[in-house]
């Protein structure tokens, strides 16, 4: 995760949880809650700490399709 990416999410109100380390990868969640809704971005890293993938959950449902942009996140937060 780049510092700019993390900074942008923090500016939107996301709170970063501690990184969880597994045998061959690690992951970190960024969460924002508002009006009984929750938006969670989980970022996975390989064993060297390099970005591997991320996914976005909205109220426990993984969003699928094209990649989620910062503007998409802003809209989702407004809808919350």
PDB file of N, CA and C in Angstrom:
ATOM      1  N   UNK A   1       0.847  -1.172   0.000  1.00  0.00           N
ATOM      2  CA  UNK A   1       0.000   0.000   0.000  1.00  0.00           C
ATOM      3  C   UNK A   1       0.891   1.234   0.000  1.00  0.00           C
ATOM      4  N   UNK A   2       0.649   2.096  -0.928  1.00  0.00           N
ATOM      5  CA  UNK A   2       1.471   3.292  -1.006  1.00  0.00           C
ATOM      6  C   UNK A   2       1.030   4.293   0.062  1.00  0.00           C
ATOM      7  N   UNK A   3       1.950   5.119   0.523  1.00  0.00           N
ATOM      8  CA  UNK A   3       1.581   6.137   1.521  1.00  0.00           C
ATOM      9  C   UNK A   3       0.472   7.063   1.033  1.00  0.00           C
ATOM     10  N   UNK A   4       0.471   7.390  -0.260  1.00  0.00           N
ATOM     11  CA  UNK A   4      -0.565   8.277  -0.803  1.00  0.00           C
ATOM     12  C   UNK A   4      -1.925   7.598  -0.715  1.00  0.00           C
ATOM     13  N   UNK A   5      -1.995   6.327  -1.074  1.00  0.00           N
ATOM     14  CA  UNK A   5      -3.244   5.574  -1.011  1.00  0.00           C
ATOM     15  C   UNK A   5      -3.769   5.554   0.418  1.00  0.00           C
ATOM     16  N   UNK A   6      -2.906   5.264   1.364  1.00  0.00           N
ATOM     17  CA  UNK A   6      -3.301   5.220   2.762  1.00  0.00           C
ATOM     18  C   UNK A   6      -3.755   6.600   3.236  1.00  0.00           C
ATOM     19  N   UNK A   7      -3.038   7.624   2.826  1.00  0.00           N
ATOM     20  CA  UNK A   7      -3.374   8.998   3.207  1.00  0.00           C
ATOM     21  C   UNK A   7      -4.741   9.401   2.647  1.00  0.00           C
ATOM     22  N   UNK A   8      -5.013   9.009   1.394  1.00  0.00           N
ATOM     23  CA  UNK A   8      -6.309   9.318   0.778  1.00  0.00           C
ATOM     24  C   UNK A   8      -7.449   8.643   1.530  1.00  0.00           C
ATOM     25  N   UNK A   9      -7.264   7.386   1.924  1.00  0.00           N
ATOM     26  CA  UNK A   9      -8.306   6.674   2.659  1.00  0.00           C
ATOM     27  C   UNK A   9      -8.502   7.262   4.048  1.00  0.00           C
ATOM     28  N   UNK A  10      -7.426   7.613   4.703  1.00  0.00           N
ATOM     29  CA  UNK A  10      -7.532   8.251   6.021  1.00  0.00           C
ATOM     30  C   UNK A  10      -8.285   9.569   5.919  1.00  0.00           C
ATOM     31  N   UNK A  11      -8.055  10.316   4.837  1.00  0.00           N
ATOM     32  CA  UNK A  11      -8.747  11.594   4.639  1.00  0.00           C
ATOM     33  C   UNK A  11     -10.256  11.394   4.467  1.00  0.00           C
ATOM     34  N   UNK A  12     -10.658  10.225   3.944  1.00  0.00           N
ATOM     35  CA  UNK A  12     -12.079   9.921   3.793  1.00  0.00           C
ATOM     36  C   UNK A  12     -12.704   9.429   5.098  1.00  0.00           C
ATOM     37  N   UNK A  13     -11.865   9.123   6.088  1.00  0.00           N
ATOM     38  CA  UNK A  13     -12.381   8.671   7.374  1.00  0.00           C
ATOM     39  C   UNK A  13     -12.146   7.206   7.679  1.00  0.00           C
ATOM     40  N   UNK A  14     -11.419   6.505   6.816  1.00  0.00           N
ATOM     41  CA  UNK A  14     -11.120   5.094   7.056  1.00  0.00           C
ATOM     42  C   UNK A  14     -10.157   4.954   8.232  1.00  0.00           C
ATOM     43  N   UNK A  15     -10.361   3.911   9.007  1.00  0.00           N
ATOM     44  CA  UNK A  15      -9.480   3.583  10.120  1.00  0.00           C
ATOM     45  C   UNK A  15      -8.748   2.296   9.748  1.00  0.00           C
ATOM     46  N   UNK A  16      -7.429   2.299   9.881  1.00  0.00           N
ATOM     47  CA  UNK A  16      -6.621   1.137   9.530  1.00  0.00           C
ATOM     48  C   UNK A  16      -6.418   0.246  10.746  1.00  0.00           C
ATOM     49  N   UNK A  17      -6.726  -1.025  10.572  1.00  0.00           N
ATOM     50  CA  UNK A  17      -6.498  -2.021  11.619  1.00  0.00           C
ATOM     51  C   UNK A  17      -5.056  -2.515  11.518  1.00  0.00           C
ATOM     52  N   UNK A  18      -4.583  -3.188  12.561  1.00  0.00           N
ATOM     53  CA  UNK A  18      -3.237  -3.748  12.537  1.00  0.00           C
ATOM     54  C   UNK A  18      -3.103  -4.785  11.429  1.00  0.00           C
ATOM     55  N   UNK A  19      -1.930  -4.861  10.849  1.00  0.00           N
ATOM     56  CA  UNK A  19      -1.662  -5.845   9.809  1.00  0.00           C
ATOM     57  C   UNK A  19      -1.646  -7.234  10.437  1.00  0.00           C
ATOM     58  N   UNK A  20      -2.308  -8.181   9.774  1.00  0.00           N
ATOM     59  CA  UNK A  20      -2.350  -9.573  10.226  1.00  0.00           C
ATOM     60  C   UNK A  20      -1.388 -10.373   9.363  1.00  0.00           C
ATOM     61  N   UNK A  21      -0.498 -11.123  10.004  1.00  0.00           N
ATOM     62  CA  UNK A  21       0.526 -11.881   9.278  1.00  0.00           C
ATOM     63  C   UNK A  21       0.191 -13.365   9.319  1.00  0.00           C
ATOM     64  N   UNK A  22       0.089 -13.979   8.142  1.00  0.00           N
ATOM     65  CA  UNK A  22      -0.141 -15.415   7.986  1.00  0.00           C
ATOM     66  C   UNK A  22       1.156 -16.055   7.500  1.00  0.00           C
ATOM     67  N   UNK A  23       1.121 -17.346   7.175  1.00  0.00           N
ATOM     68  CA  UNK A  23       2.331 -18.055   6.751  1.00  0.00           C
ATOM     69  C   UNK A  23       2.940 -17.501   5.463  1.00  0.00           C
ATOM     70  N   UNK A  24       2.120 -17.323   4.421  1.00  0.00           N
ATOM     71  CA  UNK A  24       2.672 -16.903   3.129  1.00  0.00           C
ATOM     72  C   UNK A  24       2.127 -15.565   2.633  1.00  0.00           C
ATOM     73  N   UNK A  25       1.406 -14.855   3.472  1.00  0.00           N
ATOM     74  CA  UNK A  25       0.913 -13.532   3.094  1.00  0.00           C
ATOM     75  C   UNK A  25       0.501 -12.776   4.359  1.00  0.00           C
ATOM     76  N   UNK A  26       0.183 -11.500   4.179  1.00  0.00           N
ATOM     77  CA  UNK A  26      -0.361 -10.689   5.268  1.00  0.00           C
ATOM     78  C   UNK A  26      -1.466  -9.819   4.677  1.00  0.00           C
ATOM     79  N   UNK A  27      -2.285  -9.271   5.548  1.00  0.00           N
ATOM     80  CA  UNK A  27      -3.346  -8.393   5.065  1.00  0.00           C
ATOM     81  C   UNK A  27      -3.643  -7.318   6.099  1.00  0.00           C
ATOM     82  N   UNK A  28      -4.268  -6.248   5.618  1.00  0.00           N
ATOM     83  CA  UNK A  28      -4.642  -5.140   6.481  1.00  0.00           C
ATOM     84  C   UNK A  28      -5.996  -4.614   6.034  1.00  0.00           C
ATOM     85  N   UNK A  29      -6.862  -4.343   7.007  1.00  0.00           N
ATOM     86  CA  UNK A  29      -8.189  -3.815   6.720  1.00  0.00           C
ATOM     87  C   UNK A  29      -8.239  -2.320   6.988  1.00  0.00           C
ATOM     88  N   UNK A  30      -8.955  -1.618   6.136  1.00  0.00           N
ATOM     89  CA  UNK A  30      -9.291  -0.205   6.342  1.00  0.00           C
ATOM     90  C   UNK A  30     -10.809  -0.152   6.379  1.00  0.00           C
ATOM     91  N   UNK A  31     -11.373   0.388   7.457  1.00  0.00           N
ATOM     92  CA  UNK A  31     -12.820   0.319   7.671  1.00  0.00           C
ATOM     93  C   UNK A  31     -13.381   1.707   7.968  1.00  0.00           C
ATOM     94  N   UNK A  32     -14.568   1.945   7.413  1.00  0.00           N
ATOM     95  CA  UNK A  32     -15.340   3.130   7.773  1.00  0.00           C
ATOM     96  C   UNK A  32     -16.778   2.663   8.032  1.00  0.00           C
ATOM     97  N   UNK A  33     -17.353   3.155   9.112  1.00  0.00           N
ATOM     98  CA  UNK A  33     -18.734   2.825   9.475  1.00  0.00           C
ATOM     99  C   UNK A  33     -19.539   4.110   9.590  1.00  0.00           C
ATOM    100  N   UNK A  34     -20.788   4.034   9.103  1.00  0.00           N
ATOM    101  CA  UNK A  34     -21.652   5.209   9.142  1.00  0.00           C
ATOM    102  C   UNK A  34     -23.102   4.746   8.979  1.00  0.00           C
ATOM    103  N   UNK A  35     -23.975   5.206   9.858  1.00  0.00           N
ATOM    104  CA  UNK A  35     -25.412   4.909   9.746  1.00  0.00           C
ATOM    105  C   UNK A  35     -25.709   3.420   9.575  1.00  0.00           C
ATOM    106  N   UNK A  36     -25.168   2.598  10.422  1.00  0.00           N
ATOM    107  CA  UNK A  36     -25.383   1.144  10.388  1.00  0.00           C
ATOM    108  C   UNK A  36     -24.860   0.476   9.118  1.00  0.00           C
ATOM    109  N   UNK A  37     -23.992   1.120   8.386  1.00  0.00           N
ATOM    110  CA  UNK A  37     -23.356   0.537   7.209  1.00  0.00           C
ATOM    111  C   UNK A  37     -21.855   0.505   7.429  1.00  0.00           C
ATOM    112  N   UNK A  38     -21.196  -0.429   6.744  1.00  0.00           N
ATOM    113  CA  UNK A  38     -19.750  -0.537   6.880  1.00  0.00           C
ATOM    114  C   UNK A  38     -19.123  -0.791   5.513  1.00  0.00           C
ATOM    115  N   UNK A  39     -18.041  -0.097   5.264  1.00  0.00           N
ATOM    116  CA  UNK A  39     -17.256  -0.247   4.049  1.00  0.00           C
ATOM    117  C   UNK A  39     -15.861  -0.674   4.477  1.00  0.00           C
ATOM    118  N   UNK A  40     -15.402  -1.807   3.965  1.00  0.00           N
ATOM    119  CA  UNK A  40     -14.115  -2.369   4.376  1.00  0.00           C
ATOM    120  C   UNK A  40     -13.267  -2.665   3.146  1.00  0.00           C
ATOM    121  N   UNK A  41     -12.036  -2.182   3.153  1.00  0.00           N
ATOM    122  CA  UNK A  41     -11.079  -2.475   2.093  1.00  0.00           C
ATOM    123  C   UNK A  41      -9.995  -3.359   2.698  1.00  0.00           C
ATOM    124  N   UNK A  42      -9.870  -4.554   2.167  1.00  0.00           N
ATOM    125  CA  UNK A  42      -8.846  -5.490   2.635  1.00  0.00           C
ATOM    126  C   UNK A  42      -7.742  -5.534   1.586  1.00  0.00           C
ATOM    127  N   UNK A  43      -6.523  -5.251   2.012  1.00  0.00           N
ATOM    128  CA  UNK A  43      -5.364  -5.269   1.125  1.00  0.00           C
ATOM    129  C   UNK A  43      -4.465  -6.421   1.538  1.00  0.00           C
ATOM    130  N   UNK A  44      -4.118  -7.276   0.567  1.00  0.00           N
ATOM    131  CA  UNK A  44      -3.237  -8.411   0.831  1.00  0.00           C
ATOM    132  C   UNK A  44      -1.841  -8.126   0.294  1.00  0.00           C
ATOM    133  N   UNK A  45      -0.847  -8.635   1.007  1.00  0.00           N
ATOM    134  CA  UNK A  45       0.556  -8.485   0.646  1.00  0.00           C
ATOM    135  C   UNK A  45       1.200  -9.866   0.585  1.00  0.00           C
ATOM    136  N   UNK A  46       2.229 -10.029  -0.265  1.00  0.00           N
ATOM    137  CA  UNK A  46       2.939 -11.301  -0.301  1.00  0.00           C
ATOM    138  C   UNK A  46       3.895 -11.393   0.882  1.00  0.00           C
ATOM    139  N   UNK A  47       4.672 -12.480   0.955  1.00  0.00           N
ATOM    140  CA  UNK A  47       5.557 -12.667   2.107  1.00  0.00           C
ATOM    141  C   UNK A  47       6.672 -11.636   2.189  1.00  0.00           C
ATOM    142  N   UNK A  48       6.921 -10.913   1.075  1.00  0.00           N
ATOM    143  CA  UNK A  48       7.930  -9.857   1.076  1.00  0.00           C
ATOM    144  C   UNK A  48       7.332  -8.483   1.414  1.00  0.00           C
ATOM    145  N   UNK A  49       6.024  -8.454   1.692  1.00  0.00           N
ATOM    146  CA  UNK A  49       5.372  -7.202   2.043  1.00  0.00           C
ATOM    147  C   UNK A  49       4.943  -6.367   0.847  1.00  0.00           C
ATOM    148  N   UNK A  50       5.005  -6.945  -0.358  1.00  0.00           N
ATOM    149  CA  UNK A  50       4.599  -6.217  -1.561  1.00  0.00           C
ATOM    150  C   UNK A  50       3.116  -6.440  -1.824  1.00  0.00           C
ATOM    151  N   UNK A  51       2.460  -5.396  -2.313  1.00  0.00           N
ATOM    152  CA  UNK A  51       1.033  -5.447  -2.627  1.00  0.00           C
ATOM    153  C   UNK A  51       0.726  -6.627  -3.532  1.00  0.00           C
ATOM    154  N   UNK A  52      -0.328  -7.371  -3.193  1.00  0.00           N
ATOM    155  CA  UNK A  52      -0.762  -8.513  -3.999  1.00  0.00           C
ATOM    156  C   UNK A  52      -2.136  -8.252  -4.611  1.00  0.00           C
ATOM    157  N   UNK A  53      -3.111  -7.882  -3.805  1.00  0.00           N
ATOM    158  CA  UNK A  53      -4.456  -7.601  -4.292  1.00  0.00           C
ATOM    159  C   UNK A  53      -5.258  -6.915  -3.198  1.00  0.00           C
ATOM    160  N   UNK A  54      -6.413  -6.398  -3.571  1.00  0.00           N
ATOM    161  CA  UNK A  54      -7.322  -5.847  -2.565  1.00  0.00           C
ATOM    162  C   UNK A  54      -8.755  -6.112  -3.001  1.00  0.00           C
ATOM    163  N   UNK A  55      -9.632  -6.094  -2.041  1.00  0.00           N
ATOM    164  CA  UNK A  55     -11.044  -6.206  -2.349  1.00  0.00           C
ATOM    165  C   UNK A  55     -11.835  -5.320  -1.399  1.00  0.00           C
ATOM    166  N   UNK A  56     -13.041  -4.949  -1.852  1.00  0.00           N
ATOM    167  CA  UNK A  56     -13.873  -4.009  -1.117  1.00  0.00           C
ATOM    168  C   UNK A  56     -15.177  -4.704  -0.746  1.00  0.00           C
ATOM    169  N   UNK A  57     -15.524  -4.630   0.544  1.00  0.00           N
ATOM    170  CA  UNK A  57     -16.792  -5.174   1.034  1.00  0.00           C
ATOM    171  C   UNK A  57     -17.673  -4.023   1.489  1.00  0.00           C
ATOM    172  N   UNK A  58     -18.933  -4.076   1.093  1.00  0.00           N
ATOM    173  CA  UNK A  58     -19.926  -3.115   1.554  1.00  0.00           C
ATOM    174  C   UNK A  58     -21.006  -3.906   2.267  1.00  0.00           C
ATOM    175  N   UNK A  59     -21.139  -3.694   3.576  1.00  0.00           N
ATOM    176  CA  UNK A  59     -22.086  -4.439   4.404  1.00  0.00           C
ATOM    177  C   UNK A  59     -21.939  -5.953   4.194  1.00  0.00           C
ATOM    178  N   UNK A  60     -20.712  -6.417   4.280  1.00  0.00           N
ATOM    179  CA  UNK A  60     -20.362  -7.846   4.208  1.00  0.00           C
ATOM    180  C   UNK A  60     -20.577  -8.475   2.830  1.00  0.00           C
ATOM    181  N   UNK A  61     -20.731  -7.667   1.795  1.00  0.00           N
ATOM    182  CA  UNK A  61     -20.864  -8.165   0.434  1.00  0.00           C
ATOM    183  C   UNK A  61     -19.702  -7.634  -0.392  1.00  0.00           C
ATOM    184  N   UNK A  62     -18.946  -8.545  -0.986  1.00  0.00           N
ATOM    185  CA  UNK A  62     -17.796  -8.137  -1.793  1.00  0.00           C
ATOM    186  C   UNK A  62     -18.277  -7.500  -3.089  1.00  0.00           C
ATOM    187  N   UNK A  63     -17.788  -6.300  -3.370  1.00  0.00           N
ATOM    188  CA  UNK A  63     -18.127  -5.612  -4.611  1.00  0.00           C
ATOM    189  C   UNK A  63     -17.311  -6.209  -5.743  1.00  0.00           C
ATOM    190  N   UNK A  64     -17.961  -6.508  -6.847  1.00  0.00           N
ATOM    191  CA  UNK A  64     -17.297  -7.139  -7.990  1.00  0.00           C
ATOM    192  C   UNK A  64     -17.461  -6.267  -9.217  1.00  0.00           C
ATOM    193  N   UNK A  65     -16.704  -6.566 -10.240  1.00  0.00           N
ATOM    194  CA  UNK A  65     -16.771  -5.799 -11.471  1.00  0.00           C
ATOM    195  C   UNK A  65     -15.473  -5.042 -11.680  1.00  0.00           C
ATOM    196  N   UNK A  66     -15.583  -3.878 -12.243  1.00  0.00           N
ATOM    197  CA  UNK A  66     -14.388  -3.073 -12.504  1.00  0.00           C
ATOM    198  C   UNK A  66     -13.763  -2.626 -11.185  1.00  0.00           C
ATOM    199  N   UNK A  67     -12.544  -2.155 -11.244  1.00  0.00           N
ATOM    200  CA  UNK A  67     -11.850  -1.693 -10.049  1.00  0.00           C
ATOM    201  C   UNK A  67     -12.549  -0.503  -9.413  1.00  0.00           C
ATOM    202  N   UNK A  68     -12.535  -0.441  -8.092  1.00  0.00           N
ATOM    203  CA  UNK A  68     -13.156   0.650  -7.346  1.00  0.00           C
ATOM    204  C   UNK A  68     -12.170   1.815  -7.259  1.00  0.00           C
ATOM    205  N   UNK A  69     -12.624   2.987  -7.673  1.00  0.00           N
ATOM    206  CA  UNK A  69     -11.772   4.175  -7.643  1.00  0.00           C
ATOM    207  C   UNK A  69     -12.027   4.978  -6.370  1.00  0.00           C
ATOM    208  N   UNK A  70     -11.197   5.954  -6.143  1.00  0.00           N
ATOM    209  CA  UNK A  70     -11.377   6.841  -4.996  1.00  0.00           C
ATOM    210  C   UNK A  70     -12.717   7.574  -5.086  1.00  0.00           C
ATOM    211  N   UNK A  71     -13.103   7.982  -6.286  1.00  0.00           N
ATOM    212  CA  UNK A  71     -14.399   8.643  -6.472  1.00  0.00           C
ATOM    213  C   UNK A  71     -15.554   7.692  -6.166  1.00  0.00           C
ATOM    214  N   UNK A  72     -15.400   6.412  -6.524  1.00  0.00           N
ATOM    215  CA  UNK A  72     -16.421   5.418  -6.175  1.00  0.00           C
ATOM    216  C   UNK A  72     -16.577   5.304  -4.664  1.00  0.00           C
ATOM    217  N   UNK A  73     -15.451   5.303  -3.955  1.00  0.00           N
ATOM    218  CA  UNK A  73     -15.493   5.223  -2.496  1.00  0.00           C
ATOM    219  C   UNK A  73     -16.187   6.439  -1.895  1.00  0.00           C
ATOM    220  N   UNK A  74     -15.900   7.617  -2.444  1.00  0.00           N
ATOM    221  CA  UNK A  74     -16.559   8.839  -1.976  1.00  0.00           C
ATOM    222  C   UNK A  74     -18.060   8.746  -2.150  1.00  0.00           C
ATOM    223  N   UNK A  75     -18.511   8.235  -3.284  1.00  0.00           N
ATOM    224  CA  UNK A  75     -19.930   8.084  -3.547  1.00  0.00           C
ATOM    225  C   UNK A  75     -20.570   7.079  -2.583  1.00  0.00           C
ATOM    226  N   UNK A  76     -19.914   5.953  -2.364  1.00  0.00           N
ATOM    227  CA  UNK A  76     -20.432   4.957  -1.427  1.00  0.00           C
ATOM    228  C   UNK A  76     -20.570   5.525  -0.013  1.00  0.00           C
ATOM    229  N   UNK A  77     -19.594   6.312   0.392  1.00  0.00           N
ATOM    230  CA  UNK A  77     -19.648   6.928   1.728  1.00  0.00           C
ATOM    231  C   UNK A  77     -20.812   7.904   1.802  1.00  0.00           C
ATOM    232  N   UNK A  78     -21.040   8.664   0.742  1.00  0.00           N
ATOM    233  CA  UNK A  78     -22.180   9.581   0.719  1.00  0.00           C
ATOM    234  C   UNK A  78     -23.498   8.818   0.804  1.00  0.00           C
ATOM    235  N   UNK A  79     -23.574   7.672   0.138  1.00  0.00           N
ATOM    236  CA  UNK A  79     -24.796   6.869   0.151  1.00  0.00           C
ATOM    237  C   UNK A  79     -25.050   6.234   1.506  1.00  0.00           C
ATOM    238  N   UNK A  80     -23.988   6.050   2.270  1.00  0.00           N
ATOM    239  CA  UNK A  80     -24.136   5.449   3.582  1.00  0.00           C
ATOM    240  C   UNK A  80     -24.923   6.407   4.464  1.00  0.00           C
TER     241      UNK A  80
END
